[in-house]
Structure formats: C-alpha cells, structure tokens
C-alpha cells in the first residue's frame, strides 16, 4: 500500500495538468444540420486550447482528424484517439452513436499513441510471458520475466479497465503457479514506452480506480477519519436473507472501500484493488484455494454479521 500511497500523492499533483476537451453548449445551424462548438486540447498540453465546430452525425475518425488539424498536428491523426473518461471512442462510428445524449456533459481527451514501442530498459532473453511465440525484443521485468513493450502496454491497460490499481506479473510457472509480483508503476511507464498522452491517461485511470466508490486513501489521518465515518453511517441492507448488514465494507487486507450490490447478490467479494476474497457479512477471508472457513460457508449460507469496521 505504501507504493500506491506514494503514487497517488504524485498523481494528485500531475492531475492538475490534465488535458480536457470540454463541451461548449452553444449550437449553431449550418446547411440544415445542428452544429456544436467544442474547446479542444491534447491530454498532455492543456494550454493549447482551440475551438472547433462539429456535428454529432460525423464519424469519430473525422472528428479526430479535425481536432488534430486544429491543434497543428494533422500528421498524427492516424495515431490519435479520443477518450470519454477511460473509454476509447470507436473511430468507425458516429459521435452520436458513441456518446449519445451524454455528449453535452462528456469529458473527452485526445491521446496520441506511441506507434513504435522501442526497448527502453534492459532486454530479456526469456520468452514473452503473454505470447511465447513473440520474437520481438522483450523487457526484463523486476521479477526476472520477459515481455515485449507492446504486450506490456496491452496487459496493463487491460488491468486498468478491470479497475485494478496494481500491475502484477502474469507469468505462469511450474504447477501453474503465478508469479504475481507487483511491478513498480514508474518502471512500467518506462518499460511500456508510454507517450506523454498515454502517461496522462494511465495516471488518470489508475488514480480514478484507486479512489473508486468513495476515493479514500486511509494512510492519511484525514481520510482514515472519513473512511470510519462512511463505515459507521452507511445504510444497512439485507444480504442473502441476513438483515442489518452494512452496505459498505473495507477490504480486510488493503482497506479498499467497497459497496455491496443488490439484495440477491452473494456475500462473497473479490477486492478489485488487491484481489483478496472475503465475506461481506462476517468479513472472513478465503485463504484456502478451494474452501471458505467453516463458520462462513458457501456463497448463500447465512453467517454471523461482523461488527462495523474501524481503522
């Protein structure tokens, strides 16, 4: 948690430099089409803000080209994407189809991709842990395993989209045992050869994942007090027939705050932060790879409510 704490403090200052594309709600009419004006800039260059006019019926690819041309980087339009938060807009669909009626309040960002991810750190002679048949140069990761910069980017981006805040080595060894060593975030940024825009995107998504639901970092006194307040005052609910269960719990392992879903959902939870498995009712953790503790039982077995947590 200490490494994530340092990362979040670092990102919080970097977020001040986030680049946004914000919607100007003014509309104009041109050739029978409803046109809208929008202020645009790159994710990593917030000071270079321009204004363009667009139609919701145009393709996202055309909007990207228009944005790049306006920002003076038309040659980069074939390696740029527009993002709505962490969702990449499909270039082959219209703006209306991709963002629909939420477009007027969307937060869009232009990201110029790194097209050639060169080896920026020590090379590995080991096979790529994602695709053993990939013969491109591999990065030597801190755990000793190898992966190409492109596969490293794809793997880490997939982790971020799953709301993870750590990058764990996916190498599977003898007996199907996973390495699971946590990679340092700054090393991943270098090893994956992120562009400036991609780095800002990763920062934003990782920080957003860490602060999801309530956005607390309990390593500081203020947020610890806030966490305790949320845990003490959250609504109670029925979980698998057990009344009076707190609707919010902190992961027993990493204290990541989670909120339970509907009344019919099972009681067992997987923490999106540290991947620990625990019971939302009794707070017991699953330590055996196959079985839950006897006093907890299966997913729909009634167990005893644990007291409200306090940190």
C-alpha atoms as a PDB file:
ATOM      1  CA  UNK A   1       0.000   0.000   0.000  1.00  0.00           C
ATOM      2  CA  UNK A   2       2.939   2.301   0.631  1.00  0.00           C
ATOM      3  CA  UNK A   3       3.958   2.289  -3.032  1.00  0.00           C
ATOM      4  CA  UNK A   4       0.364   3.065  -4.092  1.00  0.00           C
ATOM      5  CA  UNK A   5       0.229   5.839  -1.487  1.00  0.00           C
ATOM      6  CA  UNK A   6       3.337   7.462  -2.974  1.00  0.00           C
ATOM      7  CA  UNK A   7       1.912   7.042  -6.461  1.00  0.00           C
ATOM      8  CA  UNK A   8      -1.430   8.637  -5.572  1.00  0.00           C
ATOM      9  CA  UNK A   9       0.273  11.640  -3.970  1.00  0.00           C
ATOM     10  CA  UNK A  10       2.405  12.014  -7.089  1.00  0.00           C
ATOM     11  CA  UNK A  11      -0.560  11.678  -9.424  1.00  0.00           C
ATOM     12  CA  UNK A  12      -2.651  14.156  -7.465  1.00  0.00           C
ATOM     13  CA  UNK A  13      -0.198  16.886  -8.413  1.00  0.00           C
ATOM     14  CA  UNK A  14       0.022  15.666 -12.005  1.00  0.00           C
ATOM     15  CA  UNK A  15      -3.742  15.708 -12.354  1.00  0.00           C
ATOM     16  CA  UNK A  16      -3.623  19.482 -12.218  1.00  0.00           C
ATOM     17  CA  UNK A  17      -2.024  19.248 -15.671  1.00  0.00           C
ATOM     18  CA  UNK A  18      -4.733  17.010 -17.106  1.00  0.00           C
ATOM     19  CA  UNK A  19      -5.920  17.957 -20.556  1.00  0.00           C
ATOM     20  CA  UNK A  20      -9.617  18.113 -21.165  1.00  0.00           C
ATOM     21  CA  UNK A  21     -11.922  18.543 -24.104  1.00  0.00           C
ATOM     22  CA  UNK A  22     -14.969  20.310 -22.737  1.00  0.00           C
ATOM     23  CA  UNK A  23     -18.253  20.873 -24.449  1.00  0.00           C
ATOM     24  CA  UNK A  24     -19.447  24.396 -25.122  1.00  0.00           C
ATOM     25  CA  UNK A  25     -23.238  24.171 -25.065  1.00  0.00           C
ATOM     26  CA  UNK A  26     -23.670  26.745 -27.820  1.00  0.00           C
ATOM     27  CA  UNK A  27     -25.188  25.348 -31.008  1.00  0.00           C
ATOM     28  CA  UNK A  28     -25.305  26.798 -34.482  1.00  0.00           C
ATOM     29  CA  UNK A  29     -27.156  25.649 -37.594  1.00  0.00           C
ATOM     30  CA  UNK A  30     -25.334  25.089 -40.840  1.00  0.00           C
ATOM     31  CA  UNK A  31     -26.842  23.573 -44.007  1.00  0.00           C
ATOM     32  CA  UNK A  32     -29.774  22.198 -42.030  1.00  0.00           C
ATOM     33  CA  UNK A  33     -27.521  20.354 -39.555  1.00  0.00           C
ATOM     34  CA  UNK A  34     -27.274  21.131 -35.867  1.00  0.00           C
ATOM     35  CA  UNK A  35     -23.658  22.018 -35.215  1.00  0.00           C
ATOM     36  CA  UNK A  36     -21.936  22.412 -31.869  1.00  0.00           C
ATOM     37  CA  UNK A  37     -18.803  24.178 -30.767  1.00  0.00           C
ATOM     38  CA  UNK A  38     -16.243  22.490 -28.587  1.00  0.00           C
ATOM     39  CA  UNK A  39     -12.998  23.583 -26.903  1.00  0.00           C
ATOM     40  CA  UNK A  40     -10.257  21.057 -27.593  1.00  0.00           C
ATOM     41  CA  UNK A  41      -6.701  20.290 -26.498  1.00  0.00           C
ATOM     42  CA  UNK A  42      -4.383  17.333 -26.040  1.00  0.00           C
ATOM     43  CA  UNK A  43      -4.371  15.297 -22.864  1.00  0.00           C
ATOM     44  CA  UNK A  44      -0.828  16.393 -22.090  1.00  0.00           C
ATOM     45  CA  UNK A  45      -0.968  20.017 -23.337  1.00  0.00           C
ATOM     46  CA  UNK A  46      -3.772  21.852 -21.612  1.00  0.00           C
ATOM     47  CA  UNK A  47      -2.517  25.327 -22.502  1.00  0.00           C
ATOM     48  CA  UNK A  48      -3.013  24.821 -26.228  1.00  0.00           C
ATOM     49  CA  UNK A  49      -6.815  25.167 -26.257  1.00  0.00           C
ATOM     50  CA  UNK A  50      -8.673  25.719 -29.517  1.00  0.00           C
ATOM     51  CA  UNK A  51     -12.344  25.787 -30.566  1.00  0.00           C
ATOM     52  CA  UNK A  52     -13.886  23.720 -33.355  1.00  0.00           C
ATOM     53  CA  UNK A  53     -17.376  23.154 -34.745  1.00  0.00           C
ATOM     54  CA  UNK A  54     -18.673  19.632 -35.232  1.00  0.00           C
ATOM     55  CA  UNK A  55     -21.801  17.630 -35.964  1.00  0.00           C
ATOM     56  CA  UNK A  56     -22.962  14.630 -33.934  1.00  0.00           C
ATOM     57  CA  UNK A  57     -23.626  12.793 -37.190  1.00  0.00           C
ATOM     58  CA  UNK A  58     -19.983  12.836 -38.274  1.00  0.00           C
ATOM     59  CA  UNK A  59     -17.677   9.894 -37.756  1.00  0.00           C
ATOM     60  CA  UNK A  60     -15.391   9.867 -34.729  1.00  0.00           C
ATOM     61  CA  UNK A  61     -12.439   9.401 -37.112  1.00  0.00           C
ATOM     62  CA  UNK A  62     -13.355  12.672 -38.851  1.00  0.00           C
ATOM     63  CA  UNK A  63     -13.650  14.447 -35.514  1.00  0.00           C
ATOM     64  CA  UNK A  64     -10.184  13.174 -34.516  1.00  0.00           C
ATOM     65  CA  UNK A  65      -8.722  14.432 -37.794  1.00  0.00           C
ATOM     66  CA  UNK A  66     -10.447  17.780 -37.278  1.00  0.00           C
ATOM     67  CA  UNK A  67      -9.096  18.082 -33.728  1.00  0.00           C
ATOM     68  CA  UNK A  68      -5.554  17.170 -34.821  1.00  0.00           C
ATOM     69  CA  UNK A  69      -5.657  19.663 -37.684  1.00  0.00           C
ATOM     70  CA  UNK A  70      -6.900  22.418 -35.392  1.00  0.00           C
ATOM     71  CA  UNK A  71      -4.156  21.678 -32.866  1.00  0.00           C
ATOM     72  CA  UNK A  72      -1.494  21.778 -35.563  1.00  0.00           C
ATOM     73  CA  UNK A  73      -0.721  18.041 -35.561  1.00  0.00           C
ATOM     74  CA  UNK A  74      -2.555  16.753 -38.688  1.00  0.00           C
ATOM     75  CA  UNK A  75       0.246  14.251 -39.330  1.00  0.00           C
ATOM     76  CA  UNK A  76      -0.600  12.485 -36.058  1.00  0.00           C
ATOM     77  CA  UNK A  77      -4.298  11.904 -36.732  1.00  0.00           C
ATOM     78  CA  UNK A  78      -3.684   8.270 -37.733  1.00  0.00           C
ATOM     79  CA  UNK A  79      -2.179   7.518 -34.311  1.00  0.00           C
ATOM     80  CA  UNK A  80      -4.621   9.501 -32.145  1.00  0.00           C
ATOM     81  CA  UNK A  81      -7.737   8.514 -30.216  1.00  0.00           C
ATOM     82  CA  UNK A  82     -10.498  10.310 -28.347  1.00  0.00           C
ATOM     83  CA  UNK A  83     -11.406   9.060 -24.892  1.00  0.00           C
ATOM     84  CA  UNK A  84     -14.546   9.531 -22.836  1.00  0.00           C
ATOM     85  CA  UNK A  85     -13.056   9.006 -19.373  1.00  0.00           C
ATOM     86  CA  UNK A  86     -11.288   5.643 -19.836  1.00  0.00           C
ATOM     87  CA  UNK A  87     -13.410   4.547 -22.810  1.00  0.00           C
ATOM     88  CA  UNK A  88     -11.851   4.867 -26.264  1.00  0.00           C
ATOM     89  CA  UNK A  89     -14.348   6.058 -28.863  1.00  0.00           C
ATOM     90  CA  UNK A  90     -14.773   3.769 -31.860  1.00  0.00           C
ATOM     91  CA  UNK A  91     -13.405   5.622 -34.891  1.00  0.00           C
ATOM     92  CA  UNK A  92     -15.777   3.846 -37.249  1.00  0.00           C
ATOM     93  CA  UNK A  93     -18.970   5.006 -35.518  1.00  0.00           C
ATOM     94  CA  UNK A  94     -20.623   8.415 -35.397  1.00  0.00           C
ATOM     95  CA  UNK A  95     -20.176  10.762 -32.466  1.00  0.00           C
ATOM     96  CA  UNK A  96     -23.890  10.374 -31.683  1.00  0.00           C
ATOM     97  CA  UNK A  97     -23.667   6.562 -31.663  1.00  0.00           C
ATOM     98  CA  UNK A  98     -20.645   6.530 -29.373  1.00  0.00           C
ATOM     99  CA  UNK A  99     -21.648   9.138 -26.827  1.00  0.00           C
ATOM    100  CA  UNK A 100     -25.346   9.629 -27.464  1.00  0.00           C
ATOM    101  CA  UNK A 101     -27.194  12.192 -25.388  1.00  0.00           C
ATOM    102  CA  UNK A 102     -24.416  12.272 -22.758  1.00  0.00           C
ATOM    103  CA  UNK A 103     -22.181  14.071 -25.212  1.00  0.00           C
ATOM    104  CA  UNK A 104     -23.070  17.505 -23.883  1.00  0.00           C
ATOM    105  CA  UNK A 105     -21.588  16.675 -20.481  1.00  0.00           C
ATOM    106  CA  UNK A 106     -18.820  14.332 -21.564  1.00  0.00           C
ATOM    107  CA  UNK A 107     -15.196  14.782 -20.633  1.00  0.00           C
ATOM    108  CA  UNK A 108     -13.210  13.896 -23.768  1.00  0.00           C
ATOM    109  CA  UNK A 109      -9.450  13.692 -24.154  1.00  0.00           C
ATOM    110  CA  UNK A 110      -7.206  13.423 -27.201  1.00  0.00           C
ATOM    111  CA  UNK A 111      -4.466  10.797 -26.810  1.00  0.00           C
ATOM    112  CA  UNK A 112      -1.644  10.459 -29.325  1.00  0.00           C
ATOM    113  CA  UNK A 113      -0.381   6.883 -29.168  1.00  0.00           C
ATOM    114  CA  UNK A 114       3.174   5.611 -29.248  1.00  0.00           C
ATOM    115  CA  UNK A 115       3.315   3.729 -32.553  1.00  0.00           C
ATOM    116  CA  UNK A 116       6.737   2.136 -32.113  1.00  0.00           C
ATOM    117  CA  UNK A 117       7.477   0.988 -28.585  1.00  0.00           C
ATOM    118  CA  UNK A 118      11.246   0.665 -28.519  1.00  0.00           C
ATOM    119  CA  UNK A 119      13.112  -1.166 -25.786  1.00  0.00           C
ATOM    120  CA  UNK A 120      13.839   1.488 -23.141  1.00  0.00           C
ATOM    121  CA  UNK A 121      15.165  -0.751 -20.344  1.00  0.00           C
ATOM    122  CA  UNK A 122      17.304  -3.880 -20.057  1.00  0.00           C
ATOM    123  CA  UNK A 123      16.483  -6.612 -22.561  1.00  0.00           C
ATOM    124  CA  UNK A 124      15.407 -10.105 -21.502  1.00  0.00           C
ATOM    125  CA  UNK A 125      16.332 -13.385 -23.172  1.00  0.00           C
ATOM    126  CA  UNK A 126      13.290 -15.116 -21.660  1.00  0.00           C
ATOM    127  CA  UNK A 127      10.193 -15.813 -23.734  1.00  0.00           C
ATOM    128  CA  UNK A 128       7.369 -13.311 -23.679  1.00  0.00           C
ATOM    129  CA  UNK A 129       5.102 -14.256 -20.744  1.00  0.00           C
ATOM    130  CA  UNK A 130       1.957 -13.282 -22.681  1.00  0.00           C
ATOM    131  CA  UNK A 131       2.850 -14.722 -26.089  1.00  0.00           C
ATOM    132  CA  UNK A 132       5.812 -17.150 -26.021  1.00  0.00           C
ATOM    133  CA  UNK A 133       5.959 -17.079 -29.829  1.00  0.00           C
ATOM    134  CA  UNK A 134       6.509 -13.309 -29.986  1.00  0.00           C
ATOM    135  CA  UNK A 135      10.105 -12.857 -31.166  1.00  0.00           C
ATOM    136  CA  UNK A 136      10.255  -9.076 -30.720  1.00  0.00           C
ATOM    137  CA  UNK A 137      12.712  -7.747 -28.099  1.00  0.00           C
ATOM    138  CA  UNK A 138      11.491  -8.367 -24.558  1.00  0.00           C
ATOM    139  CA  UNK A 139      11.789  -6.175 -21.485  1.00  0.00           C
ATOM    140  CA  UNK A 140      13.454  -7.686 -18.404  1.00  0.00           C
ATOM    141  CA  UNK A 141      10.898  -7.091 -15.662  1.00  0.00           C
ATOM    142  CA  UNK A 142      11.973  -6.700 -12.000  1.00  0.00           C
ATOM    143  CA  UNK A 143      10.755 -10.246 -11.262  1.00  0.00           C
ATOM    144  CA  UNK A 144      13.064 -11.671 -13.950  1.00  0.00           C
ATOM    145  CA  UNK A 145      10.409 -12.494 -16.546  1.00  0.00           C
ATOM    146  CA  UNK A 146      10.214 -11.077 -20.069  1.00  0.00           C
ATOM    147  CA  UNK A 147       7.547  -9.251 -22.075  1.00  0.00           C
ATOM    148  CA  UNK A 148       7.508  -7.038 -25.166  1.00  0.00           C
ATOM    149  CA  UNK A 149       6.674  -3.340 -24.671  1.00  0.00           C
ATOM    150  CA  UNK A 150       3.513  -3.731 -26.783  1.00  0.00           C
ATOM    151  CA  UNK A 151       2.254  -6.712 -24.791  1.00  0.00           C
ATOM    152  CA  UNK A 152       3.150  -4.927 -21.555  1.00  0.00           C
ATOM    153  CA  UNK A 153       1.046  -1.921 -22.592  1.00  0.00           C
ATOM    154  CA  UNK A 154      -1.924  -4.109 -23.585  1.00  0.00           C
ATOM    155  CA  UNK A 155      -1.747  -6.154 -20.369  1.00  0.00           C
ATOM    156  CA  UNK A 156      -1.514  -3.113 -18.092  1.00  0.00           C
ATOM    157  CA  UNK A 157      -4.284  -1.265 -19.919  1.00  0.00           C
ATOM    158  CA  UNK A 158      -6.490  -4.339 -19.547  1.00  0.00           C
ATOM    159  CA  UNK A 159      -5.755  -4.346 -15.799  1.00  0.00           C
ATOM    160  CA  UNK A 160      -6.736  -0.688 -15.547  1.00  0.00           C
ATOM    161  CA  UNK A 161     -10.018  -1.332 -17.348  1.00  0.00           C
ATOM    162  CA  UNK A 162     -10.739  -4.052 -14.790  1.00  0.00           C
ATOM    163  CA  UNK A 163     -10.436  -1.381 -12.080  1.00  0.00           C
ATOM    164  CA  UNK A 164      -7.107  -2.695 -10.810  1.00  0.00           C
ATOM    165  CA  UNK A 165      -4.573  -0.358  -9.228  1.00  0.00           C
ATOM    166  CA  UNK A 166      -1.584  -2.678  -9.298  1.00  0.00           C
ATOM    167  CA  UNK A 167       0.259  -4.341 -12.146  1.00  0.00           C
ATOM    168  CA  UNK A 168       1.061  -7.934 -11.154  1.00  0.00           C
ATOM    169  CA  UNK A 169       3.282 -10.248 -13.183  1.00  0.00           C
ATOM    170  CA  UNK A 170       1.027 -12.763 -15.009  1.00  0.00           C
ATOM    171  CA  UNK A 171       3.795 -15.289 -15.645  1.00  0.00           C
ATOM    172  CA  UNK A 172       2.634 -18.855 -15.018  1.00  0.00           C
ATOM    173  CA  UNK A 173       5.357 -21.265 -13.984  1.00  0.00           C
ATOM    174  CA  UNK A 174       5.665 -24.870 -12.898  1.00  0.00           C
ATOM    175  CA  UNK A 175       2.492 -26.299 -11.429  1.00  0.00           C
ATOM    176  CA  UNK A 176       0.503 -23.365 -12.870  1.00  0.00           C
ATOM    177  CA  UNK A 177       1.772 -21.085 -10.102  1.00  0.00           C
ATOM    178  CA  UNK A 178       1.521 -17.379 -10.958  1.00  0.00           C
ATOM    179  CA  UNK A 179       4.383 -15.028 -10.221  1.00  0.00           C
ATOM    180  CA  UNK A 180       2.043 -12.182  -9.126  1.00  0.00           C
ATOM    181  CA  UNK A 181       4.902  -9.883  -8.159  1.00  0.00           C
ATOM    182  CA  UNK A 182       3.723  -6.271  -8.118  1.00  0.00           C
ATOM    183  CA  UNK A 183       5.608  -4.141 -10.639  1.00  0.00           C
ATOM    184  CA  UNK A 184       6.601  -0.592  -9.793  1.00  0.00           C
ATOM    185  CA  UNK A 185       4.345   1.856 -11.636  1.00  0.00           C
ATOM    186  CA  UNK A 186       7.152   4.142 -12.805  1.00  0.00           C
ATOM    187  CA  UNK A 187       9.094   1.152 -14.154  1.00  0.00           C
ATOM    188  CA  UNK A 188       6.033   0.079 -16.152  1.00  0.00           C
ATOM    189  CA  UNK A 189       5.738   3.579 -17.631  1.00  0.00           C
ATOM    190  CA  UNK A 190       9.341   3.393 -18.865  1.00  0.00           C
ATOM    191  CA  UNK A 191       9.216  -0.236 -19.977  1.00  0.00           C
ATOM    192  CA  UNK A 192       5.999   0.206 -21.972  1.00  0.00           C
ATOM    193  CA  UNK A 193       7.392   3.366 -23.609  1.00  0.00           C
ATOM    194  CA  UNK A 194       4.247   5.382 -22.969  1.00  0.00           C
ATOM    195  CA  UNK A 195       3.757   8.586 -24.903  1.00  0.00           C
ATOM    196  CA  UNK A 196       3.111  11.760 -22.919  1.00  0.00           C
ATOM    197  CA  UNK A 197      -0.627  11.437 -23.585  1.00  0.00           C
ATOM    198  CA  UNK A 198      -0.673   7.742 -22.685  1.00  0.00           C
ATOM    199  CA  UNK A 199       1.156   8.507 -19.444  1.00  0.00           C
ATOM    200  CA  UNK A 200      -1.504  11.079 -18.509  1.00  0.00           C
ATOM    201  CA  UNK A 201      -4.224   8.596 -19.423  1.00  0.00           C
ATOM    202  CA  UNK A 202      -2.681   5.835 -17.282  1.00  0.00           C
ATOM    203  CA  UNK A 203      -2.235   8.273 -14.379  1.00  0.00           C
ATOM    204  CA  UNK A 204      -5.834   9.398 -14.525  1.00  0.00           C
ATOM    205  CA  UNK A 205      -7.358   5.908 -14.819  1.00  0.00           C
ATOM    206  CA  UNK A 206      -5.124   4.378 -12.141  1.00  0.00           C
ATOM    207  CA  UNK A 207      -5.844   7.193  -9.724  1.00  0.00           C
ATOM    208  CA  UNK A 208      -9.564   7.024 -10.523  1.00  0.00           C
ATOM    209  CA  UNK A 209      -9.564   3.258  -9.894  1.00  0.00           C
ATOM    210  CA  UNK A 210      -7.853   3.715  -6.555  1.00  0.00           C
ATOM    211  CA  UNK A 211     -10.372   6.316  -5.472  1.00  0.00           C
ATOM    212  CA  UNK A 212     -13.429   4.499  -6.882  1.00  0.00           C
ATOM    213  CA  UNK A 213     -16.655   4.401  -4.851  1.00  0.00           C
ATOM    214  CA  UNK A 214     -15.537   6.915  -2.187  1.00  0.00           C
ATOM    215  CA  UNK A 215     -11.974   7.743  -3.140  1.00  0.00           C
ATOM    216  CA  UNK A 216     -10.146   7.301   0.123  1.00  0.00           C
ATOM    217  CA  UNK A 217      -6.509   6.743   0.971  1.00  0.00           C
ATOM    218  CA  UNK A 218      -6.555   5.631   4.598  1.00  0.00           C
ATOM    219  CA  UNK A 219      -2.832   6.209   5.085  1.00  0.00           C
ATOM    220  CA  UNK A 220      -3.557   9.847   5.919  1.00  0.00           C
ATOM    221  CA  UNK A 221      -5.367  10.813   9.168  1.00  0.00           C
ATOM    222  CA  UNK A 222      -7.999  12.860   7.379  1.00  0.00           C
ATOM    223  CA  UNK A 223      -9.033  10.070   5.006  1.00  0.00           C
ATOM    224  CA  UNK A 224      -8.903   7.464   7.802  1.00  0.00           C
ATOM    225  CA  UNK A 225     -11.432   9.534   9.728  1.00  0.00           C
ATOM    226  CA  UNK A 226     -13.529   9.882   6.583  1.00  0.00           C
ATOM    227  CA  UNK A 227     -13.393   6.137   5.977  1.00  0.00           C
ATOM    228  CA  UNK A 228     -14.519   5.388   9.525  1.00  0.00           C
ATOM    229  CA  UNK A 229     -17.358   7.876   9.149  1.00  0.00           C
ATOM    230  CA  UNK A 230     -18.552   6.163   5.948  1.00  0.00           C
ATOM    231  CA  UNK A 231     -18.361   2.719   7.538  1.00  0.00           C
ATOM    232  CA  UNK A 232     -20.226   3.855  10.662  1.00  0.00           C
ATOM    233  CA  UNK A 233     -23.032   5.702   8.871  1.00  0.00           C
ATOM    234  CA  UNK A 234     -23.622   3.708   5.686  1.00  0.00           C
ATOM    235  CA  UNK A 235     -27.128   2.259   5.159  1.00  0.00           C
ATOM    236  CA  UNK A 236     -27.910  -1.273   6.332  1.00  0.00           C
ATOM    237  CA  UNK A 237     -29.315  -3.869   3.959  1.00  0.00           C
ATOM    238  CA  UNK A 238     -30.381  -7.474   3.507  1.00  0.00           C
ATOM    239  CA  UNK A 239     -27.738  -9.785   2.065  1.00  0.00           C
ATOM    240  CA  UNK A 240     -28.869 -13.365   1.265  1.00  0.00           C
ATOM    241  CA  UNK A 241     -31.548 -13.092   3.959  1.00  0.00           C
ATOM    242  CA  UNK A 242     -29.342 -11.563   6.663  1.00  0.00           C
ATOM    243  CA  UNK A 243     -30.832  -8.237   7.764  1.00  0.00           C
ATOM    244  CA  UNK A 244     -28.843  -5.311   9.106  1.00  0.00           C
ATOM    245  CA  UNK A 245     -25.643  -5.864   7.112  1.00  0.00           C
ATOM    246  CA  UNK A 246     -23.568  -2.734   6.411  1.00  0.00           C
ATOM    247  CA  UNK A 247     -23.847  -1.821   2.724  1.00  0.00           C
ATOM    248  CA  UNK A 248     -20.205  -0.714   2.657  1.00  0.00           C
ATOM    249  CA  UNK A 249     -17.140  -2.563   3.893  1.00  0.00           C
ATOM    250  CA  UNK A 250     -13.396  -2.040   3.688  1.00  0.00           C
ATOM    251  CA  UNK A 251     -11.345  -4.916   2.316  1.00  0.00           C
ATOM    252  CA  UNK A 252      -9.840  -6.700   5.376  1.00  0.00           C
ATOM    253  CA  UNK A 253      -6.491  -6.898   3.583  1.00  0.00           C
ATOM    254  CA  UNK A 254      -5.952  -3.493   1.946  1.00  0.00           C
ATOM    255  CA  UNK A 255      -8.857  -1.361   3.327  1.00  0.00           C
ATOM    256  CA  UNK A 256     -10.154  -0.553  -0.165  1.00  0.00           C
ATOM    257  CA  UNK A 257     -13.758   0.642   0.236  1.00  0.00           C
ATOM    258  CA  UNK A 258     -16.459  -1.442  -1.469  1.00  0.00           C
ATOM    259  CA  UNK A 259     -20.236  -1.218  -1.710  1.00  0.00           C
ATOM    260  CA  UNK A 260     -22.432  -4.313  -1.940  1.00  0.00           C
ATOM    261  CA  UNK A 261     -24.765  -4.725  -4.902  1.00  0.00           C
ATOM    262  CA  UNK A 262     -28.409  -5.813  -4.919  1.00  0.00           C
ATOM    263  CA  UNK A 263     -30.139  -7.819  -2.196  1.00  0.00           C
ATOM    264  CA  UNK A 264     -29.895 -11.045  -4.181  1.00  0.00           C
ATOM    265  CA  UNK A 265     -26.145 -10.850  -4.696  1.00  0.00           C
ATOM    266  CA  UNK A 266     -23.962 -13.404  -2.970  1.00  0.00           C
ATOM    267  CA  UNK A 267     -21.982 -12.459   0.127  1.00  0.00           C
ATOM    268  CA  UNK A 268     -18.527 -13.300  -1.207  1.00  0.00           C
ATOM    269  CA  UNK A 269     -16.493 -10.447  -2.683  1.00  0.00           C
ATOM    270  CA  UNK A 270     -13.294 -10.071  -4.721  1.00  0.00           C
ATOM    271  CA  UNK A 271     -11.426  -6.874  -3.887  1.00  0.00           C
ATOM    272  CA  UNK A 272     -10.676  -5.032  -7.181  1.00  0.00           C
ATOM    273  CA  UNK A 273      -7.586  -3.499  -5.582  1.00  0.00           C
ATOM    274  CA  UNK A 274      -5.649  -6.394  -4.016  1.00  0.00           C
ATOM    275  CA  UNK A 275      -7.813  -9.306  -5.309  1.00  0.00           C
ATOM    276  CA  UNK A 276      -8.377 -10.686  -1.802  1.00  0.00           C
ATOM    277  CA  UNK A 277     -11.535 -12.771  -1.365  1.00  0.00           C
ATOM    278  CA  UNK A 278     -13.672 -12.077   1.696  1.00  0.00           C
ATOM    279  CA  UNK A 279     -17.221 -12.367   3.025  1.00  0.00           C
ATOM    280  CA  UNK A 280     -19.217  -9.137   3.126  1.00  0.00           C
ATOM    281  CA  UNK A 281     -21.189 -10.370   6.150  1.00  0.00           C
ATOM    282  CA  UNK A 282     -18.667 -11.977   8.524  1.00  0.00           C
ATOM    283  CA  UNK A 283     -15.533 -10.402   6.946  1.00  0.00           C
ATOM    284  CA  UNK A 284     -13.661 -13.704   6.984  1.00  0.00           C
ATOM    285  CA  UNK A 285     -11.110 -14.121   4.214  1.00  0.00           C
ATOM    286  CA  UNK A 286     -10.705 -17.093   1.931  1.00  0.00           C
ATOM    287  CA  UNK A 287      -7.178 -18.407   2.480  1.00  0.00           C
ATOM    288  CA  UNK A 288      -7.694 -21.946   1.152  1.00  0.00           C
ATOM    289  CA  UNK A 289      -7.701 -22.134  -2.677  1.00  0.00           C
ATOM    290  CA  UNK A 290     -10.859 -24.284  -2.631  1.00  0.00           C
ATOM    291  CA  UNK A 291     -12.819 -23.797   0.581  1.00  0.00           C
ATOM    292  CA  UNK A 292     -14.159 -20.936   2.684  1.00  0.00           C
ATOM    293  CA  UNK A 293     -13.878 -21.121   6.504  1.00  0.00           C
ATOM    294  CA  UNK A 294     -16.495 -23.443   8.036  1.00  0.00           C
ATOM    295  CA  UNK A 295     -18.020 -20.602  10.075  1.00  0.00           C
ATOM    296  CA  UNK A 296     -18.589 -18.656   6.827  1.00  0.00           C
ATOM    297  CA  UNK A 297     -19.683 -21.383   4.423  1.00  0.00           C
ATOM    298  CA  UNK A 298     -20.797 -21.105   0.815  1.00  0.00           C
ATOM    299  CA  UNK A 299     -21.897 -18.025  -1.063  1.00  0.00           C
ATOM    300  CA  UNK A 300     -25.529 -18.268   0.070  1.00  0.00           C
ATOM    301  CA  UNK A 301     -25.016 -19.759   3.543  1.00  0.00           C
ATOM    302  CA  UNK A 302     -26.093 -17.466   6.407  1.00  0.00           C
ATOM    303  CA  UNK A 303     -23.267 -16.468   8.754  1.00  0.00           C
ATOM    304  CA  UNK A 304     -22.804 -14.046  11.653  1.00  0.00           C
ATOM    305  CA  UNK A 305     -22.570 -10.315  10.940  1.00  0.00           C
ATOM    306  CA  UNK A 306     -19.151  -8.912  11.851  1.00  0.00           C
ATOM    307  CA  UNK A 307     -19.083  -5.627  13.798  1.00  0.00           C
ATOM    308  CA  UNK A 308     -18.758  -2.352  11.918  1.00  0.00           C
ATOM    309  CA  UNK A 309     -15.125  -1.839  10.967  1.00  0.00           C
ATOM    310  CA  UNK A 310     -12.972   0.902  12.455  1.00  0.00           C
ATOM    311  CA  UNK A 311      -9.423   1.888  11.485  1.00  0.00           C
END
